[in-house]
Amino acid sequence: MRLKKFVVARLARLADQLGLLRQQVDRLSVQVSALQSRVDALTPAQGGIVSFLRARVGTLATIETPAGTLFGTIILVGEDFVQLREADGSIVLIPLRNVLSVV
């Protein structure tokens, strides 16, 4: 009988803890959603750059990034990247979020 009371009490305590954890998860989910909205608002839409670069596939371009300047032929443009073939034949994938300018 004491074992049963112990198990029931322990299960009740665990249920309470589970309820508290669910509340924390709900609060954190709201905060993550709010942060994602803020990030989305700060991230420029990439549709314009995608169209711009796709129209220039097969042409030479100079692309400025925070890591430096790249020069080569645009060979592919995805939704969030541009693929460039440099003069030495190297293929470089550049995330569009890192493109500062294109000439």
PDB file of N, CA and C in Angstrom:
ATOM      1  N   MET A   1       0.824  -1.202   0.000  1.00  0.00           N
ATOM      2  CA  MET A   1       0.000   0.000   0.000  1.00  0.00           C
ATOM      3  C   MET A   1       0.862   1.258   0.000  1.00  0.00           C
ATOM      4  N   ARG A   2       1.955   1.262   0.773  1.00  0.00           N
ATOM      5  CA  ARG A   2       2.829   2.437   0.796  1.00  0.00           C
ATOM      6  C   ARG A   2       3.519   2.626  -0.544  1.00  0.00           C
ATOM      7  N   LEU A   3       3.840   1.539  -1.194  1.00  0.00           N
ATOM      8  CA  LEU A   3       4.473   1.626  -2.507  1.00  0.00           C
ATOM      9  C   LEU A   3       3.527   2.278  -3.509  1.00  0.00           C
ATOM     10  N   LYS A   4       2.276   1.898  -3.456  1.00  0.00           N
ATOM     11  CA  LYS A   4       1.275   2.472  -4.363  1.00  0.00           C
ATOM     12  C   LYS A   4       1.145   3.975  -4.130  1.00  0.00           C
ATOM     13  N   LYS A   5       1.086   4.417  -2.855  1.00  0.00           N
ATOM     14  CA  LYS A   5       0.987   5.843  -2.538  1.00  0.00           C
ATOM     15  C   LYS A   5       2.237   6.587  -3.031  1.00  0.00           C
ATOM     16  N   PHE A   6       3.387   5.956  -2.830  1.00  0.00           N
ATOM     17  CA  PHE A   6       4.640   6.567  -3.284  1.00  0.00           C
ATOM     18  C   PHE A   6       4.632   6.758  -4.800  1.00  0.00           C
ATOM     19  N   VAL A   7       4.226   5.717  -5.524  1.00  0.00           N
ATOM     20  CA  VAL A   7       4.192   5.777  -6.989  1.00  0.00           C
ATOM     21  C   VAL A   7       3.184   6.822  -7.458  1.00  0.00           C
ATOM     22  N   VAL A   8       2.025   6.857  -6.832  1.00  0.00           N
ATOM     23  CA  VAL A   8       0.996   7.834  -7.209  1.00  0.00           C
ATOM     24  C   VAL A   8       1.497   9.254  -6.941  1.00  0.00           C
ATOM     25  N   ALA A   9       2.123   9.463  -5.787  1.00  0.00           N
ATOM     26  CA  ALA A   9       2.651  10.794  -5.459  1.00  0.00           C
ATOM     27  C   ALA A   9       3.755  11.191  -6.432  1.00  0.00           C
ATOM     28  N   ARG A  10       4.611  10.249  -6.746  1.00  0.00           N
ATOM     29  CA  ARG A  10       5.716  10.530  -7.680  1.00  0.00           C
ATOM     30  C   ARG A  10       5.172  10.857  -9.077  1.00  0.00           C
ATOM     31  N   LEU A  11       4.169  10.118  -9.525  1.00  0.00           N
ATOM     32  CA  LEU A  11       3.551  10.383 -10.830  1.00  0.00           C
ATOM     33  C   LEU A  11       2.890  11.760 -10.853  1.00  0.00           C
ATOM     34  N   ALA A  12       2.261  12.135  -9.756  1.00  0.00           N
ATOM     35  CA  ALA A  12       1.626  13.457  -9.675  1.00  0.00           C
ATOM     36  C   ALA A  12       2.682  14.555  -9.771  1.00  0.00           C
ATOM     37  N   ARG A  13       3.808  14.353  -9.079  1.00  0.00           N
ATOM     38  CA  ARG A  13       4.897  15.332  -9.127  1.00  0.00           C
ATOM     39  C   ARG A  13       5.465  15.427 -10.548  1.00  0.00           C
ATOM     40  N   LEU A  14       5.657  14.278 -11.179  1.00  0.00           N
ATOM     41  CA  LEU A  14       6.161  14.269 -12.559  1.00  0.00           C
ATOM     42  C   LEU A  14       5.180  14.948 -13.516  1.00  0.00           C
ATOM     43  N   ALA A  15       3.902  14.740 -13.303  1.00  0.00           N
ATOM     44  CA  ALA A  15       2.887  15.391 -14.139  1.00  0.00           C
ATOM     45  C   ALA A  15       2.952  16.911 -13.977  1.00  0.00           C
ATOM     46  N   ASP A  16       3.157  17.372 -12.743  1.00  0.00           N
ATOM     47  CA  ASP A  16       3.305  18.811 -12.492  1.00  0.00           C
ATOM     48  C   ASP A  16       4.545  19.359 -13.214  1.00  0.00           C
ATOM     49  N   GLN A  17       5.651  18.624 -13.096  1.00  0.00           N
ATOM     50  CA  GLN A  17       6.879  19.055 -13.762  1.00  0.00           C
ATOM     51  C   GLN A  17       6.701  19.081 -15.281  1.00  0.00           C
ATOM     52  N   LEU A  18       5.998  18.090 -15.799  1.00  0.00           N
ATOM     53  CA  LEU A  18       5.730  18.050 -17.235  1.00  0.00           C
ATOM     54  C   LEU A  18       4.902  19.256 -17.668  1.00  0.00           C
ATOM     55  N   GLY A  19       3.924  19.632 -16.858  1.00  0.00           N
ATOM     56  CA  GLY A  19       3.113  20.811 -17.158  1.00  0.00           C
ATOM     57  C   GLY A  19       3.964  22.078 -17.197  1.00  0.00           C
ATOM     58  N   LEU A  20       4.879  22.203 -16.226  1.00  0.00           N
ATOM     59  CA  LEU A  20       5.770  23.366 -16.196  1.00  0.00           C
ATOM     60  C   LEU A  20       6.683  23.386 -17.426  1.00  0.00           C
ATOM     61  N   LEU A  21       7.198  22.231 -17.797  1.00  0.00           N
ATOM     62  CA  LEU A  21       8.058  22.159 -18.987  1.00  0.00           C
ATOM     63  C   LEU A  21       7.288  22.533 -20.250  1.00  0.00           C
ATOM     64  N   ARG A  22       6.054  22.095 -20.337  1.00  0.00           N
ATOM     65  CA  ARG A  22       5.227  22.462 -21.504  1.00  0.00           C
ATOM     66  C   ARG A  22       5.018  23.974 -21.575  1.00  0.00           C
ATOM     67  N   GLN A  23       4.785  24.594 -20.424  1.00  0.00           N
ATOM     68  CA  GLN A  23       4.622  26.047 -20.397  1.00  0.00           C
ATOM     69  C   GLN A  23       5.901  26.743 -20.856  1.00  0.00           C
ATOM     70  N   GLN A  24       7.052  26.242 -20.399  1.00  0.00           N
ATOM     71  CA  GLN A  24       8.326  26.827 -20.817  1.00  0.00           C
ATOM     72  C   GLN A  24       8.530  26.668 -22.322  1.00  0.00           C
ATOM     73  N   VAL A  25       8.215  25.498 -22.842  1.00  0.00           N
ATOM     74  CA  VAL A  25       8.356  25.262 -24.282  1.00  0.00           C
ATOM     75  C   VAL A  25       7.448  26.211 -25.056  1.00  0.00           C
ATOM     76  N   ASP A  26       6.226  26.397 -24.581  1.00  0.00           N
ATOM     77  CA  ASP A  26       5.302  27.317 -25.255  1.00  0.00           C
ATOM     78  C   ASP A  26       5.848  28.744 -25.250  1.00  0.00           C
ATOM     79  N   ARG A  27       6.363  29.187 -24.095  1.00  0.00           N
ATOM     80  CA  ARG A  27       6.933  30.534 -24.007  1.00  0.00           C
ATOM     81  C   ARG A  27       8.133  30.679 -24.935  1.00  0.00           C
ATOM     82  N   LEU A  28       9.008  29.679 -24.932  1.00  0.00           N
ATOM     83  CA  LEU A  28      10.194  29.737 -25.800  1.00  0.00           C
ATOM     84  C   LEU A  28       9.809  29.700 -27.276  1.00  0.00           C
ATOM     85  N   SER A  29       8.788  28.942 -27.619  1.00  0.00           N
ATOM     86  CA  SER A  29       8.331  28.901 -29.010  1.00  0.00           C
ATOM     87  C   SER A  29       7.841  30.263 -29.473  1.00  0.00           C
ATOM     88  N   VAL A  30       7.143  30.956 -28.608  1.00  0.00           N
ATOM     89  CA  VAL A  30       6.680  32.312 -28.931  1.00  0.00           C
ATOM     90  C   VAL A  30       7.877  33.239 -29.129  1.00  0.00           C
ATOM     91  N   GLN A  31       8.877  33.117 -28.257  1.00  0.00           N
ATOM     92  CA  GLN A  31      10.067  33.961 -28.378  1.00  0.00           C
ATOM     93  C   GLN A  31      10.842  33.652 -29.663  1.00  0.00           C
ATOM     94  N   VAL A  32      10.968  32.374 -30.000  1.00  0.00           N
ATOM     95  CA  VAL A  32      11.667  31.992 -31.235  1.00  0.00           C
ATOM     96  C   VAL A  32      10.918  32.538 -32.451  1.00  0.00           C
ATOM     97  N   SER A  33       9.607  32.440 -32.440  1.00  0.00           N
ATOM     98  CA  SER A  33       8.822  32.984 -33.550  1.00  0.00           C
ATOM     99  C   SER A  33       9.017  34.491 -33.691  1.00  0.00           C
ATOM    100  N   ALA A  34       9.036  35.183 -32.566  1.00  0.00           N
ATOM    101  CA  ALA A  34       9.245  36.630 -32.599  1.00  0.00           C
ATOM    102  C   ALA A  34      10.632  36.964 -33.140  1.00  0.00           C
ATOM    103  N   LEU A  35      11.638  36.223 -32.699  1.00  0.00           N
ATOM    104  CA  LEU A  35      12.998  36.452 -33.203  1.00  0.00           C
ATOM    105  C   LEU A  35      13.096  36.151 -34.692  1.00  0.00           C
ATOM    106  N   GLN A  36      12.451  35.076 -35.138  1.00  0.00           N
ATOM    107  CA  GLN A  36      12.482  34.738 -36.559  1.00  0.00           C
ATOM    108  C   GLN A  36      11.829  35.843 -37.384  1.00  0.00           C
ATOM    109  N   SER A  37      10.754  36.400 -36.889  1.00  0.00           N
ATOM    110  CA  SER A  37      10.099  37.509 -37.583  1.00  0.00           C
ATOM    111  C   SER A  37      11.025  38.708 -37.692  1.00  0.00           C
ATOM    112  N   ARG A  38      11.750  38.988 -36.610  1.00  0.00           N
ATOM    113  CA  ARG A  38      12.689  40.116 -36.637  1.00  0.00           C
ATOM    114  C   ARG A  38      13.829  39.867 -37.620  1.00  0.00           C
ATOM    115  N   VAL A  39      14.351  38.641 -37.640  1.00  0.00           N
ATOM    116  CA  VAL A  39      15.418  38.298 -38.582  1.00  0.00           C
ATOM    117  C   VAL A  39      14.909  38.412 -40.014  1.00  0.00           C
ATOM    118  N   ASP A  40      13.706  37.889 -40.264  1.00  0.00           N
ATOM    119  CA  ASP A  40      13.124  37.969 -41.604  1.00  0.00           C
ATOM    120  C   ASP A  40      12.966  39.418 -42.051  1.00  0.00           C
ATOM    121  N   ALA A  41      12.607  40.296 -41.112  1.00  0.00           N
ATOM    122  CA  ALA A  41      12.430  41.710 -41.452  1.00  0.00           C
ATOM    123  C   ALA A  41      13.774  42.372 -41.774  1.00  0.00           C
ATOM    124  N   LEU A  42      14.852  41.888 -41.161  1.00  0.00           N
ATOM    125  CA  LEU A  42      16.166  42.477 -41.396  1.00  0.00           C
ATOM    126  C   LEU A  42      16.864  41.891 -42.626  1.00  0.00           C
ATOM    127  N   THR A  43      16.445  40.704 -43.056  1.00  0.00           N
ATOM    128  CA  THR A  43      17.068  40.040 -44.193  1.00  0.00           C
ATOM    129  C   THR A  43      16.414  40.545 -45.469  1.00  0.00           C
ATOM    130  N   PRO A  44      17.183  41.126 -46.365  1.00  0.00           N
ATOM    131  CA  PRO A  44      16.581  41.640 -47.593  1.00  0.00           C
ATOM    132  C   PRO A  44      16.036  40.515 -48.457  1.00  0.00           C
ATOM    133  N   ALA A  45      14.971  40.810 -49.142  1.00  0.00           N
ATOM    134  CA  ALA A  45      14.407  39.841 -50.090  1.00  0.00           C
ATOM    135  C   ALA A  45      15.430  39.576 -51.182  1.00  0.00           C
ATOM    136  N   GLN A  46      15.572  38.315 -51.568  1.00  0.00           N
ATOM    137  CA  GLN A  46      16.605  37.954 -52.518  1.00  0.00           C
ATOM    138  C   GLN A  46      16.062  37.747 -53.926  1.00  0.00           C
ATOM    139  N   GLY A  47      14.776  37.943 -54.115  1.00  0.00           N
ATOM    140  CA  GLY A  47      14.189  37.731 -55.428  1.00  0.00           C
ATOM    141  C   GLY A  47      14.816  38.585 -56.506  1.00  0.00           C
ATOM    142  N   GLY A  48      15.105  39.846 -56.205  1.00  0.00           N
ATOM    143  CA  GLY A  48      15.686  40.754 -57.186  1.00  0.00           C
ATOM    144  C   GLY A  48      17.079  40.343 -57.598  1.00  0.00           C
ATOM    145  N   ILE A  49      17.896  39.947 -56.643  1.00  0.00           N
ATOM    146  CA  ILE A  49      19.266  39.550 -56.967  1.00  0.00           C
ATOM    147  C   ILE A  49      19.268  38.238 -57.743  1.00  0.00           C
ATOM    148  N   VAL A  50      18.330  37.337 -57.418  1.00  0.00           N
ATOM    149  CA  VAL A  50      18.242  36.073 -58.142  1.00  0.00           C
ATOM    150  C   VAL A  50      17.922  36.336 -59.611  1.00  0.00           C
ATOM    151  N   SER A  51      16.946  37.170 -59.867  1.00  0.00           N
ATOM    152  CA  SER A  51      16.585  37.505 -61.247  1.00  0.00           C
ATOM    153  C   SER A  51      17.741  38.178 -61.971  1.00  0.00           C
ATOM    154  N   PHE A  52      18.382  39.106 -61.288  1.00  0.00           N
ATOM    155  CA  PHE A  52      19.511  39.826 -61.859  1.00  0.00           C
ATOM    156  C   PHE A  52      20.617  38.871 -62.268  1.00  0.00           C
ATOM    157  N   LEU A  53      20.976  37.951 -61.364  1.00  0.00           N
ATOM    158  CA  LEU A  53      22.064  37.017 -61.648  1.00  0.00           C
ATOM    159  C   LEU A  53      21.671  35.971 -62.696  1.00  0.00           C
ATOM    160  N   ARG A  54      20.440  35.495 -62.640  1.00  0.00           N
ATOM    161  CA  ARG A  54      20.001  34.491 -63.628  1.00  0.00           C
ATOM    162  C   ARG A  54      20.052  35.050 -65.046  1.00  0.00           C
ATOM    163  N   ALA A  55      19.790  36.322 -65.191  1.00  0.00           N
ATOM    164  CA  ALA A  55      19.858  36.941 -66.514  1.00  0.00           C
ATOM    165  C   ALA A  55      21.297  37.024 -67.010  1.00  0.00           C
ATOM    166  N   ARG A  56      22.247  36.829 -66.119  1.00  0.00           N
ATOM    167  CA  ARG A  56      23.666  36.951 -66.477  1.00  0.00           C
ATOM    168  C   ARG A  56      24.426  35.622 -66.448  1.00  0.00           C
ATOM    169  N   VAL A  57      23.688  34.499 -66.389  1.00  0.00           N
ATOM    170  CA  VAL A  57      24.337  33.185 -66.445  1.00  0.00           C
ATOM    171  C   VAL A  57      25.118  33.085 -67.753  1.00  0.00           C
ATOM    172  N   GLY A  58      26.356  32.622 -67.636  1.00  0.00           N
ATOM    173  CA  GLY A  58      27.224  32.502 -68.805  1.00  0.00           C
ATOM    174  C   GLY A  58      28.086  33.720 -69.061  1.00  0.00           C
ATOM    175  N   THR A  59      27.920  34.762 -68.255  1.00  0.00           N
ATOM    176  CA  THR A  59      28.717  35.977 -68.442  1.00  0.00           C
ATOM    177  C   THR A  59      29.718  36.126 -67.306  1.00  0.00           C
ATOM    178  N   LEU A  60      30.727  36.930 -67.551  1.00  0.00           N
ATOM    179  CA  LEU A  60      31.734  37.223 -66.532  1.00  0.00           C
ATOM    180  C   LEU A  60      31.175  38.218 -65.527  1.00  0.00           C
ATOM    181  N   ALA A  61      31.553  38.025 -64.271  1.00  0.00           N
ATOM    182  CA  ALA A  61      31.083  38.931 -63.219  1.00  0.00           C
ATOM    183  C   ALA A  61      32.139  39.043 -62.134  1.00  0.00           C
ATOM    184  N   THR A  62      32.131  40.182 -61.472  1.00  0.00           N
ATOM    185  CA  THR A  62      32.932  40.395 -60.278  1.00  0.00           C
ATOM    186  C   THR A  62      31.948  40.490 -59.117  1.00  0.00           C
ATOM    187  N   ILE A  63      32.130  39.624 -58.128  1.00  0.00           N
ATOM    188  CA  ILE A  63      31.209  39.581 -56.991  1.00  0.00           C
ATOM    189  C   ILE A  63      31.983  39.904 -55.716  1.00  0.00           C
ATOM    190  N   GLU A  64      31.516  40.964 -55.050  1.00  0.00           N
ATOM    191  CA  GLU A  64      32.101  41.371 -53.770  1.00  0.00           C
ATOM    192  C   GLU A  64      31.396  40.624 -52.642  1.00  0.00           C
ATOM    193  N   THR A  65      32.185  40.056 -51.725  1.00  0.00           N
ATOM    194  CA  THR A  65      31.650  39.400 -50.537  1.00  0.00           C
ATOM    195  C   THR A  65      32.432  39.900 -49.328  1.00  0.00           C
ATOM    196  N   PRO A  66      31.941  39.643 -48.129  1.00  0.00           N
ATOM    197  CA  PRO A  66      32.708  40.037 -46.947  1.00  0.00           C
ATOM    198  C   PRO A  66      34.086  39.371 -46.901  1.00  0.00           C
ATOM    199  N   ALA A  67      34.243  38.223 -47.558  1.00  0.00           N
ATOM    200  CA  ALA A  67      35.518  37.505 -47.549  1.00  0.00           C
ATOM    201  C   ALA A  67      36.472  37.975 -48.638  1.00  0.00           C
ATOM    202  N   GLY A  68      35.980  38.792 -49.571  1.00  0.00           N
ATOM    203  CA  GLY A  68      36.834  39.274 -50.649  1.00  0.00           C
ATOM    204  C   GLY A  68      36.097  39.330 -51.972  1.00  0.00           C
ATOM    205  N   THR A  69      36.864  39.634 -53.023  1.00  0.00           N
ATOM    206  CA  THR A  69      36.298  39.793 -54.361  1.00  0.00           C
ATOM    207  C   THR A  69      36.542  38.519 -55.164  1.00  0.00           C
ATOM    208  N   LEU A  70      35.501  38.075 -55.867  1.00  0.00           N
ATOM    209  CA  LEU A  70      35.598  36.906 -56.732  1.00  0.00           C
ATOM    210  C   LEU A  70      35.297  37.329 -58.162  1.00  0.00           C
ATOM    211  N   PHE A  71      36.018  36.726 -59.118  1.00  0.00           N
ATOM    212  CA  PHE A  71      35.818  37.046 -60.525  1.00  0.00           C
ATOM    213  C   PHE A  71      35.698  35.743 -61.290  1.00  0.00           C
ATOM    214  N   GLY A  72      34.675  35.655 -62.134  1.00  0.00           N
ATOM    215  CA  GLY A  72      34.520  34.455 -62.945  1.00  0.00           C
ATOM    216  C   GLY A  72      33.224  34.476 -63.720  1.00  0.00           C
ATOM    217  N   THR A  73      32.908  33.327 -64.284  1.00  0.00           N
ATOM    218  CA  THR A  73      31.696  33.172 -65.082  1.00  0.00           C
ATOM    219  C   THR A  73      30.579  32.621 -64.202  1.00  0.00           C
ATOM    220  N   ILE A  74      29.443  33.280 -64.242  1.00  0.00           N
ATOM    221  CA  ILE A  74      28.280  32.795 -63.502  1.00  0.00           C
ATOM    222  C   ILE A  74      27.769  31.565 -64.248  1.00  0.00           C
ATOM    223  N   ILE A  75      27.725  30.426 -63.550  1.00  0.00           N
ATOM    224  CA  ILE A  75      27.284  29.214 -64.239  1.00  0.00           C
ATOM    225  C   ILE A  75      25.953  28.676 -63.720  1.00  0.00           C
ATOM    226  N   LEU A  76      25.550  29.088 -62.525  1.00  0.00           N
ATOM    227  CA  LEU A  76      24.282  28.627 -61.979  1.00  0.00           C
ATOM    228  C   LEU A  76      23.836  29.576 -60.876  1.00  0.00           C
ATOM    229  N   VAL A  77      22.537  29.814 -60.814  1.00  0.00           N
ATOM    230  CA  VAL A  77      21.973  30.635 -59.740  1.00  0.00           C
ATOM    231  C   VAL A  77      20.822  29.856 -59.125  1.00  0.00           C
ATOM    232  N   GLY A  78      20.939  29.551 -57.832  1.00  0.00           N
ATOM    233  CA  GLY A  78      19.867  28.876 -57.104  1.00  0.00           C
ATOM    234  C   GLY A  78      19.029  29.894 -56.360  1.00  0.00           C
ATOM    235  N   GLU A  79      18.172  29.392 -55.509  1.00  0.00           N
ATOM    236  CA  GLU A  79      17.313  30.283 -54.726  1.00  0.00           C
ATOM    237  C   GLU A  79      18.104  31.109 -53.727  1.00  0.00           C
ATOM    238  N   ASP A  80      19.212  30.543 -53.227  1.00  0.00           N
ATOM    239  CA  ASP A  80      19.967  31.253 -52.201  1.00  0.00           C
ATOM    240  C   ASP A  80      21.481  31.188 -52.413  1.00  0.00           C
ATOM    241  N   PHE A  81      21.908  30.893 -53.641  1.00  0.00           N
ATOM    242  CA  PHE A  81      23.337  30.850 -53.924  1.00  0.00           C
ATOM    243  C   PHE A  81      23.592  31.170 -55.394  1.00  0.00           C
ATOM    244  N   VAL A  82      24.845  31.540 -55.671  1.00  0.00           N
ATOM    245  CA  VAL A  82      25.307  31.710 -57.044  1.00  0.00           C
ATOM    246  C   VAL A  82      26.570  30.869 -57.184  1.00  0.00           C
ATOM    247  N   GLN A  83      26.681  30.191 -58.315  1.00  0.00           N
ATOM    248  CA  GLN A  83      27.849  29.358 -58.588  1.00  0.00           C
ATOM    249  C   GLN A  83      28.691  30.059 -59.646  1.00  0.00           C
ATOM    250  N   LEU A  84      29.979  30.187 -59.352  1.00  0.00           N
ATOM    251  CA  LEU A  84      30.900  30.937 -60.199  1.00  0.00           C
ATOM    252  C   LEU A  84      32.064  30.029 -60.585  1.00  0.00           C
ATOM    253  N   ARG A  85      32.459  30.064 -61.868  1.00  0.00           N
ATOM    254  CA  ARG A  85      33.665  29.347 -62.306  1.00  0.00           C
ATOM    255  C   ARG A  85      34.759  30.378 -62.464  1.00  0.00           C
ATOM    256  N   GLU A  86      35.819  30.233 -61.652  1.00  0.00           N
ATOM    257  CA  GLU A  86      36.936  31.168 -61.714  1.00  0.00           C
ATOM    258  C   GLU A  86      37.835  30.819 -62.896  1.00  0.00           C
ATOM    259  N   ALA A  87      38.755  31.710 -63.215  1.00  0.00           N
ATOM    260  CA  ALA A  87      39.637  31.557 -64.382  1.00  0.00           C
ATOM    261  C   ALA A  87      40.446  30.261 -64.330  1.00  0.00           C
ATOM    262  N   ASP A  88      40.788  29.805 -63.132  1.00  0.00           N
ATOM    263  CA  ASP A  88      41.586  28.566 -63.009  1.00  0.00           C
ATOM    264  C   ASP A  88      40.716  27.305 -63.048  1.00  0.00           C
ATOM    265  N   GLY A  89      39.408  27.483 -63.273  1.00  0.00           N
ATOM    266  CA  GLY A  89      38.496  26.343 -63.350  1.00  0.00           C
ATOM    267  C   GLY A  89      37.823  25.987 -62.047  1.00  0.00           C
ATOM    268  N   SER A  90      38.228  26.638 -60.966  1.00  0.00           N
ATOM    269  CA  SER A  90      37.620  26.373 -59.656  1.00  0.00           C
ATOM    270  C   SER A  90      36.152  26.792 -59.674  1.00  0.00           C
ATOM    271  N   ILE A  91      35.341  26.002 -59.007  1.00  0.00           N
ATOM    272  CA  ILE A  91      33.924  26.324 -58.858  1.00  0.00           C
ATOM    273  C   ILE A  91      33.715  26.842 -57.437  1.00  0.00           C
ATOM    274  N   VAL A  92      33.058  27.982 -57.342  1.00  0.00           N
ATOM    275  CA  VAL A  92      32.816  28.617 -56.038  1.00  0.00           C
ATOM    276  C   VAL A  92      31.309  28.785 -55.859  1.00  0.00           C
ATOM    277  N   LEU A  93      30.808  28.350 -54.712  1.00  0.00           N
ATOM    278  CA  LEU A  93      29.413  28.585 -54.345  1.00  0.00           C
ATOM    279  C   LEU A  93      29.375  29.757 -53.366  1.00  0.00           C
ATOM    280  N   ILE A  94      28.584  30.742 -53.694  1.00  0.00           N
ATOM    281  CA  ILE A  94      28.511  31.943 -52.867  1.00  0.00           C
ATOM    282  C   ILE A  94      27.070  32.085 -52.358  1.00  0.00           C
ATOM    283  N   PRO A  95      26.854  32.025 -51.046  1.00  0.00           N
ATOM    284  CA  PRO A  95      25.514  32.277 -50.535  1.00  0.00           C
ATOM    285  C   PRO A  95      25.081  33.709 -50.880  1.00  0.00           C
ATOM    286  N   LEU A  96      23.862  33.870 -51.350  1.00  0.00           N
ATOM    287  CA  LEU A  96      23.398  35.208 -51.732  1.00  0.00           C
ATOM    288  C   LEU A  96      23.424  36.183 -50.565  1.00  0.00           C
ATOM    289  N   ARG A  97      23.268  35.687 -49.355  1.00  0.00           N
ATOM    290  CA  ARG A  97      23.314  36.596 -48.196  1.00  0.00           C
ATOM    291  C   ARG A  97      24.695  37.229 -48.037  1.00  0.00           C
ATOM    292  N   ASN A  98      25.718  36.654 -48.705  1.00  0.00           N
ATOM    293  CA  ASN A  98      27.072  37.180 -48.618  1.00  0.00           C
ATOM    294  C   ASN A  98      27.441  38.078 -49.810  1.00  0.00           C
ATOM    295  N   VAL A  99      26.539  38.212 -50.758  1.00  0.00           N
ATOM    296  CA  VAL A  99      26.841  39.058 -51.931  1.00  0.00           C
ATOM    297  C   VAL A  99      26.621  40.505 -51.555  1.00  0.00           C
ATOM    298  N   LEU A 100      27.704  41.281 -51.641  1.00  0.00           N
ATOM    299  CA  LEU A 100      27.608  42.715 -51.341  1.00  0.00           C
ATOM    300  C   LEU A 100      27.350  43.521 -52.617  1.00  0.00           C
ATOM    301  N   SER A 101      27.992  43.087 -53.717  1.00  0.00           N
ATOM    302  CA  SER A 101      27.768  43.781 -54.995  1.00  0.00           C
ATOM    303  C   SER A 101      28.168  42.864 -56.144  1.00  0.00           C
ATOM    304  N   VAL A 102      27.608  43.152 -57.312  1.00  0.00           N
ATOM    305  CA  VAL A 102      27.915  42.413 -58.529  1.00  0.00           C
ATOM    306  C   VAL A 102      28.181  43.422 -59.643  1.00  0.00           C
ATOM    307  N   VAL A 103      29.297  43.211 -60.355  1.00  0.00           N
ATOM    308  CA  VAL A 103      29.625  44.088 -61.477  1.00  0.00           C
ATOM    309  C   VAL A 103      29.829  43.207 -62.694  1.00  0.00           C
TER     310      VAL A 103
END
